[in-house]
Amino acid sequence: MKLRITFIVLISSLICISSLYLGPKVINPFSMSGLDKEILFTVRLPRMLTAMLIGIALGASGAILQGILRNPLADPYILGISGGASLMAVAGIVFGFGYAGFASVPLLAFTGAIITGLIVGLISYKKGAFWHGRLLLAGIGIGFLFSALVMLILGVSTHEGLRRAMLWMFGELSMSDWDNIPYGIFFILVGLSIALARVKALNALMLGDELAWSLGYNPSMERVVLFVSVCLMVAASVSLGGTIGFVGLLMPHIVRMTAGADNAFLIPLSSIAGGALLCFADLLGRTLFSPTELPAGIITALLGAPYFLYLLRKKEIIGG
């Protein structure tokens, strides 16, 4: 077990660090010119940190949701949170409202995600209990509604911000800068800390509500606390880089096959692996068709979808 955990951490760290120096222009860390330093610290480092933060948030959120919903196909975006974030951000980009320049886009996205999370949570809460089935259905319904509204805005818009809005929705990281990173670190760390503090309760929830009750945990309250942690992390990730799929769906499965299902290991390792995957996707996106860049969200979908279908066939992760 220790060897497998060490392997995941080392490989993930190597991928993240390599993404700093590799790309259309390869930087030699032992012999950097002034231009190399400018590229490294102004462009690539904030971009790598942004990718890591988003991957950490999505990987951890996917592991948490698959536990509280007891659904191996649960994904951070299944709760509709990304739909609310996208709606607010796209509206801000296309219609030009906001008061803080570029910083208004992450702010709008974060606000939309939090409001959506509250709406989904309120719909799911009934008769003093937090119903995970209603949570799933409410998230799907609200997600479809907000996606339709986003398409409506894009369909009727002739604004020059249309291309920018489309790139943001696909997970474009080229606009990453230092200003938004501290806020992302704060909210993601808060959400991750809440989840790690409740890993024993999450392990109990995965075994069923009756067993969780017998072990002294209130399933409804535990789901509320864990749902809040997911909302904080997903809201921060979407505000940093748009909607990026498959990270939260795929990485918990890969880590679970390697390190087991104990959430004390699954959540942190899924977050680390998620950060590495997104750094790798961003590296491919800016290198393959240079000088044209592909959004990281497209790369994760191209990498993740075939592998996930392979898992469905090979490992039968949904039974049957």
C-alpha atoms as a PDB file:
ATOM      1  CA  MET A   1       0.000   0.000   0.000  1.00  0.00           C
ATOM      2  CA  LYS A   2       2.741   2.468   0.956  1.00  0.00           C
ATOM      3  CA  LEU A   3       4.592   1.709  -2.278  1.00  0.00           C
ATOM      4  CA  ARG A   4       1.462   2.370  -4.354  1.00  0.00           C
ATOM      5  CA  ILE A   5       0.742   5.640  -2.568  1.00  0.00           C
ATOM      6  CA  THR A   6       4.341   6.751  -3.018  1.00  0.00           C
ATOM      7  CA  PHE A   7       4.142   5.852  -6.713  1.00  0.00           C
ATOM      8  CA  ILE A   8       0.996   7.964  -7.245  1.00  0.00           C
ATOM      9  CA  VAL A   9       2.503  10.947  -5.419  1.00  0.00           C
ATOM     10  CA  LEU A  10       5.849  10.768  -7.240  1.00  0.00           C
ATOM     11  CA  ILE A  11       4.354  10.355 -10.722  1.00  0.00           C
ATOM     12  CA  SER A  12       1.854  13.160 -10.095  1.00  0.00           C
ATOM     13  CA  SER A  13       4.587  15.486  -8.817  1.00  0.00           C
ATOM     14  CA  LEU A  14       6.795  14.696 -11.810  1.00  0.00           C
ATOM     15  CA  ILE A  15       3.982  15.481 -14.258  1.00  0.00           C
ATOM     16  CA  CYS A  16       3.165  18.802 -12.575  1.00  0.00           C
ATOM     17  CA  ILE A  17       6.788  19.935 -12.442  1.00  0.00           C
ATOM     18  CA  SER A  18       7.456  18.818 -16.023  1.00  0.00           C
ATOM     19  CA  SER A  19       4.533  20.900 -17.272  1.00  0.00           C
ATOM     20  CA  LEU A  20       6.429  24.002 -16.140  1.00  0.00           C
ATOM     21  CA  TYR A  21       9.410  23.363 -18.381  1.00  0.00           C
ATOM     22  CA  LEU A  22       7.916  21.522 -21.349  1.00  0.00           C
ATOM     23  CA  GLY A  23       5.742  22.994 -24.066  1.00  0.00           C
ATOM     24  CA  PRO A  24       6.095  24.821 -27.389  1.00  0.00           C
ATOM     25  CA  LYS A  25       9.232  26.336 -25.888  1.00  0.00           C
ATOM     26  CA  VAL A  26      11.280  23.949 -23.741  1.00  0.00           C
ATOM     27  CA  ILE A  27      12.930  25.687 -20.786  1.00  0.00           C
ATOM     28  CA  ASN A  28      16.179  24.396 -19.341  1.00  0.00           C
ATOM     29  CA  PRO A  29      15.869  24.901 -15.558  1.00  0.00           C
ATOM     30  CA  PHE A  30      19.672  24.965 -15.212  1.00  0.00           C
ATOM     31  CA  SER A  31      20.232  27.655 -17.828  1.00  0.00           C
ATOM     32  CA  MET A  32      17.400  30.175 -18.063  1.00  0.00           C
ATOM     33  CA  SER A  33      17.560  33.446 -19.952  1.00  0.00           C
ATOM     34  CA  GLY A  34      15.600  36.521 -18.926  1.00  0.00           C
ATOM     35  CA  LEU A  35      12.861  35.576 -21.386  1.00  0.00           C
ATOM     36  CA  ASP A  36      12.735  32.041 -19.984  1.00  0.00           C
ATOM     37  CA  LYS A  37      12.268  33.385 -16.461  1.00  0.00           C
ATOM     38  CA  GLU A  38       9.534  35.728 -17.668  1.00  0.00           C
ATOM     39  CA  ILE A  39       7.675  32.857 -19.355  1.00  0.00           C
ATOM     40  CA  LEU A  40       8.165  30.571 -16.350  1.00  0.00           C
ATOM     41  CA  PHE A  41       7.032  32.895 -13.570  1.00  0.00           C
ATOM     42  CA  THR A  42       4.501  35.061 -15.416  1.00  0.00           C
ATOM     43  CA  VAL A  43       2.792  32.528 -17.661  1.00  0.00           C
ATOM     44  CA  ARG A  44       3.512  28.904 -16.835  1.00  0.00           C
ATOM     45  CA  LEU A  45       3.688  28.891 -13.036  1.00  0.00           C
ATOM     46  CA  PRO A  46       0.270  30.519 -12.446  1.00  0.00           C
ATOM     47  CA  ARG A  47      -1.156  28.311 -15.183  1.00  0.00           C
ATOM     48  CA  MET A  48       0.272  25.168 -13.598  1.00  0.00           C
ATOM     49  CA  LEU A  49      -0.969  26.182 -10.142  1.00  0.00           C
ATOM     50  CA  THR A  50      -4.430  26.907 -11.547  1.00  0.00           C
ATOM     51  CA  ALA A  51      -4.535  23.500 -13.254  1.00  0.00           C
ATOM     52  CA  MET A  52      -3.379  21.815 -10.043  1.00  0.00           C
ATOM     53  CA  LEU A  53      -6.004  23.586  -7.942  1.00  0.00           C
ATOM     54  CA  ILE A  54      -8.822  22.717 -10.345  1.00  0.00           C
ATOM     55  CA  GLY A  55      -7.685  19.108 -10.561  1.00  0.00           C
ATOM     56  CA  ILE A  56      -7.375  18.841  -6.777  1.00  0.00           C
ATOM     57  CA  ALA A  57     -10.883  20.206  -6.295  1.00  0.00           C
ATOM     58  CA  LEU A  58     -12.480  17.999  -8.969  1.00  0.00           C
ATOM     59  CA  GLY A  59     -10.639  14.819  -7.987  1.00  0.00           C
ATOM     60  CA  ALA A  60     -11.557  15.179  -4.316  1.00  0.00           C
ATOM     61  CA  SER A  61     -15.146  16.221  -5.102  1.00  0.00           C
ATOM     62  CA  GLY A  62     -15.658  13.210  -7.353  1.00  0.00           C
ATOM     63  CA  ALA A  63     -14.476  10.828  -4.639  1.00  0.00           C
ATOM     64  CA  ILE A  64     -16.748  12.479  -2.052  1.00  0.00           C
ATOM     65  CA  LEU A  65     -19.837  12.462  -4.262  1.00  0.00           C
ATOM     66  CA  GLN A  66     -19.381   8.856  -5.305  1.00  0.00           C
ATOM     67  CA  GLY A  67     -19.369   8.073  -1.587  1.00  0.00           C
ATOM     68  CA  ILE A  68     -22.313  10.130  -0.354  1.00  0.00           C
ATOM     69  CA  LEU A  69     -24.502   9.228  -3.340  1.00  0.00           C
ATOM     70  CA  ARG A  70     -23.264   5.618  -3.444  1.00  0.00           C
ATOM     71  CA  ASN A  71     -23.121   6.032  -7.209  1.00  0.00           C
ATOM     72  CA  PRO A  72     -19.872   5.216  -9.056  1.00  0.00           C
ATOM     73  CA  LEU A  73     -20.909   7.491 -11.927  1.00  0.00           C
ATOM     74  CA  ALA A  74     -21.337  10.576  -9.741  1.00  0.00           C
ATOM     75  CA  ASP A  75     -19.380  13.564 -10.977  1.00  0.00           C
ATOM     76  CA  PRO A  76     -18.789  17.032  -9.455  1.00  0.00           C
ATOM     77  CA  TYR A  77     -20.822  18.580 -12.260  1.00  0.00           C
ATOM     78  CA  ILE A  78     -23.797  16.266 -11.818  1.00  0.00           C
ATOM     79  CA  LEU A  79     -25.185  18.523  -9.061  1.00  0.00           C
ATOM     80  CA  GLY A  80     -25.751  21.405 -11.475  1.00  0.00           C
ATOM     81  CA  ILE A  81     -23.227  23.613  -9.696  1.00  0.00           C
ATOM     82  CA  SER A  82     -21.177  24.100 -12.851  1.00  0.00           C
ATOM     83  CA  GLY A  83     -24.356  25.070 -14.710  1.00  0.00           C
ATOM     84  CA  GLY A  84     -25.011  27.964 -12.339  1.00  0.00           C
ATOM     85  CA  ALA A  85     -21.382  29.070 -12.531  1.00  0.00           C
ATOM     86  CA  SER A  86     -21.395  28.901 -16.331  1.00  0.00           C
ATOM     87  CA  LEU A  87     -24.632  30.843 -16.602  1.00  0.00           C
ATOM     88  CA  MET A  88     -23.352  33.722 -14.481  1.00  0.00           C
ATOM     89  CA  ALA A  89     -19.910  33.774 -16.103  1.00  0.00           C
ATOM     90  CA  VAL A  90     -21.178  33.594 -19.686  1.00  0.00           C
ATOM     91  CA  ALA A  91     -23.757  36.296 -18.991  1.00  0.00           C
ATOM     92  CA  GLY A  92     -21.004  38.482 -17.558  1.00  0.00           C
ATOM     93  CA  ILE A  93     -18.699  37.891 -20.534  1.00  0.00           C
ATOM     94  CA  VAL A  94     -21.329  38.313 -23.253  1.00  0.00           C
ATOM     95  CA  PHE A  95     -23.295  41.193 -21.758  1.00  0.00           C
ATOM     96  CA  GLY A  96     -20.257  42.864 -20.245  1.00  0.00           C
ATOM     97  CA  PHE A  97     -21.575  43.436 -16.750  1.00  0.00           C
ATOM     98  CA  GLY A  98     -19.186  43.296 -13.840  1.00  0.00           C
ATOM     99  CA  TYR A  99     -17.115  45.827 -12.009  1.00  0.00           C
ATOM    100  CA  ALA A 100     -13.676  44.291 -11.622  1.00  0.00           C
ATOM    101  CA  GLY A 101     -12.539  43.674 -15.179  1.00  0.00           C
ATOM    102  CA  PHE A 102     -11.397  40.095 -15.792  1.00  0.00           C
ATOM    103  CA  ALA A 103     -11.649  39.393 -12.057  1.00  0.00           C
ATOM    104  CA  SER A 104     -15.420  39.784 -12.368  1.00  0.00           C
ATOM    105  CA  VAL A 105     -15.667  36.526 -14.369  1.00  0.00           C
ATOM    106  CA  PRO A 106     -14.323  34.251 -11.600  1.00  0.00           C
ATOM    107  CA  LEU A 107     -16.340  36.231  -9.066  1.00  0.00           C
ATOM    108  CA  LEU A 108     -19.547  35.806 -11.053  1.00  0.00           C
ATOM    109  CA  ALA A 109     -18.846  32.116 -11.599  1.00  0.00           C
ATOM    110  CA  PHE A 110     -18.201  31.519  -7.901  1.00  0.00           C
ATOM    111  CA  THR A 111     -21.379  33.399  -6.941  1.00  0.00           C
ATOM    112  CA  GLY A 112     -23.449  31.418  -9.439  1.00  0.00           C
ATOM    113  CA  ALA A 113     -22.038  28.123  -8.198  1.00  0.00           C
ATOM    114  CA  ILE A 114     -22.742  28.882  -4.536  1.00  0.00           C
ATOM    115  CA  ILE A 115     -26.299  30.068  -5.257  1.00  0.00           C
ATOM    116  CA  THR A 116     -26.968  26.942  -7.321  1.00  0.00           C
ATOM    117  CA  GLY A 117     -25.578  24.744  -4.556  1.00  0.00           C
ATOM    118  CA  LEU A 118     -27.949  26.370  -2.065  1.00  0.00           C
ATOM    119  CA  ILE A 119     -30.924  25.854  -4.380  1.00  0.00           C
ATOM    120  CA  VAL A 120     -30.072  22.182  -4.948  1.00  0.00           C
ATOM    121  CA  GLY A 121     -29.541  21.675  -1.225  1.00  0.00           C
ATOM    122  CA  LEU A 122     -32.883  23.272  -0.325  1.00  0.00           C
ATOM    123  CA  ILE A 123     -34.740  21.148  -2.879  1.00  0.00           C
ATOM    124  CA  SER A 124     -33.074  18.026  -1.510  1.00  0.00           C
ATOM    125  CA  TYR A 125     -33.890  18.785   2.119  1.00  0.00           C
ATOM    126  CA  LYS A 126     -37.317  17.455   3.120  1.00  0.00           C
ATOM    127  CA  LYS A 127     -38.921  16.526   6.417  1.00  0.00           C
ATOM    128  CA  GLY A 128     -35.750  17.232   8.347  1.00  0.00           C
ATOM    129  CA  ALA A 129     -33.614  14.928   6.207  1.00  0.00           C
ATOM    130  CA  PHE A 130     -31.194  15.322   3.328  1.00  0.00           C
ATOM    131  CA  TRP A 131     -32.334  12.930   0.587  1.00  0.00           C
ATOM    132  CA  HIS A 132     -29.451  11.901  -1.669  1.00  0.00           C
ATOM    133  CA  GLY A 133     -31.823  10.702  -4.402  1.00  0.00           C
ATOM    134  CA  ARG A 134     -33.504  14.121  -4.542  1.00  0.00           C
ATOM    135  CA  LEU A 135     -30.056  15.737  -4.482  1.00  0.00           C
ATOM    136  CA  LEU A 136     -29.054  13.858  -7.611  1.00  0.00           C
ATOM    137  CA  LEU A 137     -32.292  14.544  -9.482  1.00  0.00           C
ATOM    138  CA  ALA A 138     -32.393  18.208  -8.458  1.00  0.00           C
ATOM    139  CA  GLY A 139     -28.821  18.680  -9.641  1.00  0.00           C
ATOM    140  CA  ILE A 140     -29.517  17.065 -12.995  1.00  0.00           C
ATOM    141  CA  GLY A 141     -32.699  19.096 -13.528  1.00  0.00           C
ATOM    142  CA  ILE A 142     -31.124  22.434 -12.607  1.00  0.00           C
ATOM    143  CA  GLY A 143     -28.056  21.594 -14.650  1.00  0.00           C
ATOM    144  CA  PHE A 144     -30.171  21.023 -17.770  1.00  0.00           C
ATOM    145  CA  LEU A 145     -32.102  24.251 -17.157  1.00  0.00           C
ATOM    146  CA  PHE A 146     -28.997  26.390 -16.755  1.00  0.00           C
ATOM    147  CA  SER A 147     -27.281  24.730 -19.729  1.00  0.00           C
ATOM    148  CA  ALA A 148     -30.290  25.637 -21.864  1.00  0.00           C
ATOM    149  CA  LEU A 149     -30.118  29.243 -20.662  1.00  0.00           C
ATOM    150  CA  VAL A 150     -26.400  29.374 -21.475  1.00  0.00           C
ATOM    151  CA  MET A 151     -27.087  28.084 -24.991  1.00  0.00           C
ATOM    152  CA  LEU A 152     -29.850  30.681 -25.340  1.00  0.00           C
ATOM    153  CA  ILE A 153     -27.466  33.492 -24.397  1.00  0.00           C
ATOM    154  CA  LEU A 154     -24.805  32.241 -26.798  1.00  0.00           C
ATOM    155  CA  GLY A 155     -27.362  31.677 -29.557  1.00  0.00           C
ATOM    156  CA  VAL A 156     -28.745  35.215 -29.543  1.00  0.00           C
ATOM    157  CA  SER A 157     -25.441  36.959 -28.905  1.00  0.00           C
ATOM    158  CA  THR A 158     -23.349  38.721 -31.533  1.00  0.00           C
ATOM    159  CA  HIS A 159     -21.007  40.125 -28.921  1.00  0.00           C
ATOM    160  CA  GLU A 160     -17.230  39.877 -29.464  1.00  0.00           C
ATOM    161  CA  GLY A 161     -16.990  38.072 -26.139  1.00  0.00           C
ATOM    162  CA  LEU A 162     -18.757  35.042 -27.653  1.00  0.00           C
ATOM    163  CA  ARG A 163     -15.513  33.201 -28.489  1.00  0.00           C
ATOM    164  CA  ARG A 164     -14.089  33.980 -25.067  1.00  0.00           C
ATOM    165  CA  ALA A 165     -17.224  32.612 -23.412  1.00  0.00           C
ATOM    166  CA  MET A 166     -17.017  29.404 -25.451  1.00  0.00           C
ATOM    167  CA  LEU A 167     -13.342  28.887 -24.571  1.00  0.00           C
ATOM    168  CA  TRP A 168     -14.088  29.502 -20.882  1.00  0.00           C
ATOM    169  CA  MET A 169     -16.840  26.890 -20.943  1.00  0.00           C
ATOM    170  CA  PHE A 170     -14.442  24.315 -22.416  1.00  0.00           C
ATOM    171  CA  GLY A 171     -11.863  24.828 -19.677  1.00  0.00           C
ATOM    172  CA  GLU A 172      -9.455  27.364 -21.146  1.00  0.00           C
ATOM    173  CA  LEU A 173      -6.484  27.987 -18.809  1.00  0.00           C
ATOM    174  CA  SER A 174      -4.563  30.516 -20.905  1.00  0.00           C
ATOM    175  CA  MET A 175      -6.129  33.404 -18.972  1.00  0.00           C
ATOM    176  CA  SER A 176      -4.809  32.151 -15.625  1.00  0.00           C
ATOM    177  CA  ASP A 177      -3.076  34.767 -13.516  1.00  0.00           C
ATOM    178  CA  TRP A 178      -1.816  35.260  -9.985  1.00  0.00           C
ATOM    179  CA  ASP A 179      -4.752  37.414  -8.816  1.00  0.00           C
ATOM    180  CA  ASN A 180      -7.303  34.608  -8.555  1.00  0.00           C
ATOM    181  CA  ILE A 181      -5.042  31.862  -7.189  1.00  0.00           C
ATOM    182  CA  PRO A 182      -5.141  32.899  -3.486  1.00  0.00           C
ATOM    183  CA  TYR A 183      -8.951  32.803  -3.473  1.00  0.00           C
ATOM    184  CA  GLY A 184      -8.959  29.407  -5.139  1.00  0.00           C
ATOM    185  CA  ILE A 185      -6.444  28.057  -2.621  1.00  0.00           C
ATOM    186  CA  PHE A 186      -8.533  29.325   0.294  1.00  0.00           C
ATOM    187  CA  PHE A 187     -11.889  27.870  -0.729  1.00  0.00           C
ATOM    188  CA  ILE A 188     -10.447  24.585  -2.001  1.00  0.00           C
ATOM    189  CA  LEU A 189      -8.438  24.088   1.202  1.00  0.00           C
ATOM    190  CA  VAL A 190     -11.509  24.828   3.322  1.00  0.00           C
ATOM    191  CA  GLY A 191     -13.636  22.358   1.367  1.00  0.00           C
ATOM    192  CA  LEU A 192     -10.915  19.711   1.388  1.00  0.00           C
ATOM    193  CA  SER A 193     -10.319  20.134   5.118  1.00  0.00           C
ATOM    194  CA  ILE A 194     -14.021  19.676   5.869  1.00  0.00           C
ATOM    195  CA  ALA A 195     -14.115  16.490   3.798  1.00  0.00           C
ATOM    196  CA  LEU A 196     -10.948  15.023   5.332  1.00  0.00           C
ATOM    197  CA  ALA A 197     -12.332  15.696   8.807  1.00  0.00           C
ATOM    198  CA  ARG A 198     -15.394  13.552   7.959  1.00  0.00           C
ATOM    199  CA  VAL A 199     -13.731  10.618   6.175  1.00  0.00           C
ATOM    200  CA  LYS A 200     -14.865   8.095   8.798  1.00  0.00           C
ATOM    201  CA  ALA A 201     -18.449   9.242   8.413  1.00  0.00           C
ATOM    202  CA  LEU A 202     -18.125   9.039   4.622  1.00  0.00           C
ATOM    203  CA  ASN A 203     -16.808   5.481   4.891  1.00  0.00           C
ATOM    204  CA  ALA A 204     -19.846   4.628   7.002  1.00  0.00           C
ATOM    205  CA  LEU A 205     -22.238   6.259   4.499  1.00  0.00           C
ATOM    206  CA  MET A 206     -20.811   4.112   1.726  1.00  0.00           C
ATOM    207  CA  LEU A 207     -21.918   1.027   3.659  1.00  0.00           C
ATOM    208  CA  GLY A 208     -25.509   2.243   4.029  1.00  0.00           C
ATOM    209  CA  ASP A 209     -27.516   4.603   6.214  1.00  0.00           C
ATOM    210  CA  GLU A 210     -28.520   1.964   8.741  1.00  0.00           C
ATOM    211  CA  LEU A 211     -24.921   1.039   9.455  1.00  0.00           C
ATOM    212  CA  ALA A 212     -23.990   4.728   9.632  1.00  0.00           C
ATOM    213  CA  TRP A 213     -26.721   5.236  12.268  1.00  0.00           C
ATOM    214  CA  SER A 214     -25.447   2.256  14.235  1.00  0.00           C
ATOM    215  CA  LEU A 215     -21.945   3.750  14.264  1.00  0.00           C
ATOM    216  CA  GLY A 216     -23.231   7.030  15.682  1.00  0.00           C
ATOM    217  CA  TYR A 217     -23.434   9.134  12.516  1.00  0.00           C
ATOM    218  CA  ASN A 218     -26.447  11.087  11.283  1.00  0.00           C
ATOM    219  CA  PRO A 219     -26.509  10.339   7.528  1.00  0.00           C
ATOM    220  CA  SER A 220     -28.514  13.440   6.612  1.00  0.00           C
ATOM    221  CA  MET A 221     -26.278  15.836   8.534  1.00  0.00           C
ATOM    222  CA  GLU A 222     -23.116  14.177   7.282  1.00  0.00           C
ATOM    223  CA  ARG A 223     -24.339  14.565   3.692  1.00  0.00           C
ATOM    224  CA  VAL A 224     -25.067  18.242   4.323  1.00  0.00           C
ATOM    225  CA  VAL A 225     -21.539  18.844   5.630  1.00  0.00           C
ATOM    226  CA  LEU A 226     -19.925  16.917   2.773  1.00  0.00           C
ATOM    227  CA  PHE A 227     -22.185  18.614   0.234  1.00  0.00           C
ATOM    228  CA  VAL A 228     -20.994  22.005   1.506  1.00  0.00           C
ATOM    229  CA  SER A 229     -17.381  20.921   1.077  1.00  0.00           C
ATOM    230  CA  VAL A 230     -18.072  19.830  -2.507  1.00  0.00           C
ATOM    231  CA  CYS A 231     -19.873  23.101  -3.293  1.00  0.00           C
ATOM    232  CA  LEU A 232     -16.911  25.156  -2.082  1.00  0.00           C
ATOM    233  CA  MET A 233     -14.385  23.164  -4.106  1.00  0.00           C
ATOM    234  CA  VAL A 234     -16.429  22.945  -7.303  1.00  0.00           C
ATOM    235  CA  ALA A 235     -17.367  26.634  -7.136  1.00  0.00           C
ATOM    236  CA  ALA A 236     -13.706  27.583  -6.768  1.00  0.00           C
ATOM    237  CA  SER A 237     -12.579  25.251  -9.574  1.00  0.00           C
ATOM    238  CA  VAL A 238     -15.193  26.460 -12.054  1.00  0.00           C
ATOM    239  CA  SER A 239     -14.435  30.087 -11.237  1.00  0.00           C
ATOM    240  CA  LEU A 240     -10.725  29.475 -11.882  1.00  0.00           C
ATOM    241  CA  GLY A 241     -10.934  27.703 -15.224  1.00  0.00           C
ATOM    242  CA  GLY A 242     -14.424  26.974 -16.464  1.00  0.00           C
ATOM    243  CA  THR A 243     -16.032  23.547 -16.759  1.00  0.00           C
ATOM    244  CA  ILE A 244     -13.618  20.633 -17.162  1.00  0.00           C
ATOM    245  CA  GLY A 245     -15.123  17.179 -17.331  1.00  0.00           C
ATOM    246  CA  PHE A 246     -14.013  13.646 -16.522  1.00  0.00           C
ATOM    247  CA  VAL A 247     -11.410  14.568 -13.878  1.00  0.00           C
ATOM    248  CA  GLY A 248     -13.797  14.067 -10.967  1.00  0.00           C
ATOM    249  CA  LEU A 249     -15.445  11.086 -12.617  1.00  0.00           C
ATOM    250  CA  LEU A 250     -12.345   9.202 -13.684  1.00  0.00           C
ATOM    251  CA  MET A 251      -9.583   9.803 -11.135  1.00  0.00           C
ATOM    252  CA  PRO A 252     -11.357   8.289  -8.079  1.00  0.00           C
ATOM    253  CA  HIS A 253     -11.817   5.038 -10.052  1.00  0.00           C
ATOM    254  CA  ILE A 254      -8.146   4.870 -11.033  1.00  0.00           C
ATOM    255  CA  VAL A 255      -6.986   5.624  -7.489  1.00  0.00           C
ATOM    256  CA  ARG A 256      -9.508   3.184  -6.002  1.00  0.00           C
ATOM    257  CA  MET A 257      -8.075   0.373  -8.117  1.00  0.00           C
ATOM    258  CA  THR A 258      -4.577   1.255  -6.908  1.00  0.00           C
ATOM    259  CA  ALA A 259      -4.964   2.313  -3.271  1.00  0.00           C
ATOM    260  CA  GLY A 260      -8.337   0.936  -2.172  1.00  0.00           C
ATOM    261  CA  ALA A 261     -11.651   2.504  -1.194  1.00  0.00           C
ATOM    262  CA  ASP A 262     -10.751   3.981   2.213  1.00  0.00           C
ATOM    263  CA  ASN A 263     -11.581   7.679   1.858  1.00  0.00           C
ATOM    264  CA  ALA A 264      -8.736   8.627   4.173  1.00  0.00           C
ATOM    265  CA  PHE A 265      -6.471   7.718   1.243  1.00  0.00           C
ATOM    266  CA  LEU A 266      -8.907   7.957  -1.670  1.00  0.00           C
ATOM    267  CA  ILE A 267      -9.762  11.654  -1.292  1.00  0.00           C
ATOM    268  CA  PRO A 268      -6.214  13.083  -0.996  1.00  0.00           C
ATOM    269  CA  LEU A 269      -4.807  10.736  -3.649  1.00  0.00           C
ATOM    270  CA  SER A 270      -7.667  11.503  -6.052  1.00  0.00           C
ATOM    271  CA  SER A 271      -6.983  15.201  -5.577  1.00  0.00           C
ATOM    272  CA  ILE A 272      -3.258  14.772  -6.265  1.00  0.00           C
ATOM    273  CA  ALA A 273      -3.894  12.597  -9.318  1.00  0.00           C
ATOM    274  CA  GLY A 274      -6.553  15.024 -10.550  1.00  0.00           C
ATOM    275  CA  GLY A 275      -4.088  17.901 -10.378  1.00  0.00           C
ATOM    276  CA  ALA A 276      -1.525  15.889 -12.326  1.00  0.00           C
ATOM    277  CA  LEU A 277      -4.053  14.876 -14.991  1.00  0.00           C
ATOM    278  CA  LEU A 278      -5.084  18.473 -15.589  1.00  0.00           C
ATOM    279  CA  CYS A 279      -1.458  19.674 -15.749  1.00  0.00           C
ATOM    280  CA  PHE A 280      -0.795  16.963 -18.337  1.00  0.00           C
ATOM    281  CA  ALA A 281      -3.938  17.888 -20.301  1.00  0.00           C
ATOM    282  CA  ASP A 282      -2.956  21.547 -20.302  1.00  0.00           C
ATOM    283  CA  LEU A 283       0.569  20.649 -21.479  1.00  0.00           C
ATOM    284  CA  LEU A 284      -0.862  18.647 -24.386  1.00  0.00           C
ATOM    285  CA  GLY A 285      -3.367  21.394 -25.203  1.00  0.00           C
ATOM    286  CA  ARG A 286      -0.717  24.082 -25.623  1.00  0.00           C
ATOM    287  CA  THR A 287       1.822  21.847 -27.366  1.00  0.00           C
ATOM    288  CA  LEU A 288       0.065  19.583 -29.895  1.00  0.00           C
ATOM    289  CA  PHE A 289      -1.100  22.260 -32.342  1.00  0.00           C
ATOM    290  CA  SER A 290       1.138  25.143 -31.313  1.00  0.00           C
ATOM    291  CA  PRO A 291       0.695  28.104 -31.674  1.00  0.00           C
ATOM    292  CA  THR A 292      -3.014  27.209 -31.491  1.00  0.00           C
ATOM    293  CA  GLU A 293      -4.088  26.066 -28.033  1.00  0.00           C
ATOM    294  CA  LEU A 294      -6.749  23.528 -27.210  1.00  0.00           C
ATOM    295  CA  PRO A 295      -8.733  24.034 -23.986  1.00  0.00           C
ATOM    296  CA  ALA A 296      -7.763  21.586 -21.262  1.00  0.00           C
ATOM    297  CA  GLY A 297     -11.384  20.461 -20.961  1.00  0.00           C
ATOM    298  CA  ILE A 298     -11.303  19.110 -24.512  1.00  0.00           C
ATOM    299  CA  ILE A 299      -8.121  17.164 -23.795  1.00  0.00           C
ATOM    300  CA  THR A 300      -9.502  15.623 -20.590  1.00  0.00           C
ATOM    301  CA  ALA A 301     -12.623  14.533 -22.479  1.00  0.00           C
ATOM    302  CA  LEU A 302     -10.561  13.010 -25.299  1.00  0.00           C
ATOM    303  CA  LEU A 303      -8.361  11.186 -22.797  1.00  0.00           C
ATOM    304  CA  GLY A 304     -11.024  10.340 -20.252  1.00  0.00           C
ATOM    305  CA  ALA A 305     -13.977   9.175 -22.321  1.00  0.00           C
ATOM    306  CA  PRO A 306     -12.288   6.184 -24.039  1.00  0.00           C
ATOM    307  CA  TYR A 307     -10.566   5.084 -20.840  1.00  0.00           C
ATOM    308  CA  PHE A 308     -13.763   5.357 -18.838  1.00  0.00           C
ATOM    309  CA  LEU A 309     -15.606   3.240 -21.420  1.00  0.00           C
ATOM    310  CA  TYR A 310     -12.782   0.719 -21.097  1.00  0.00           C
ATOM    311  CA  LEU A 311     -13.263   0.673 -17.332  1.00  0.00           C
ATOM    312  CA  LEU A 312     -16.994   0.152 -17.739  1.00  0.00           C
ATOM    313  CA  ARG A 313     -16.339  -2.864 -19.940  1.00  0.00           C
ATOM    314  CA  LYS A 314     -13.322  -4.314 -18.138  1.00  0.00           C
ATOM    315  CA  LYS A 315     -14.043  -3.681 -14.473  1.00  0.00           C
ATOM    316  CA  GLU A 316     -17.854  -3.559 -14.565  1.00  0.00           C
ATOM    317  CA  ILE A 317     -17.861  -0.659 -12.113  1.00  0.00           C
ATOM    318  CA  ILE A 318     -21.636  -0.246 -12.302  1.00  0.00           C
ATOM    319  CA  GLY A 319     -22.409  -3.897 -11.948  1.00  0.00           C
ATOM    320  CA  GLY A 320     -24.320  -6.144 -14.270  1.00  0.00           C
END
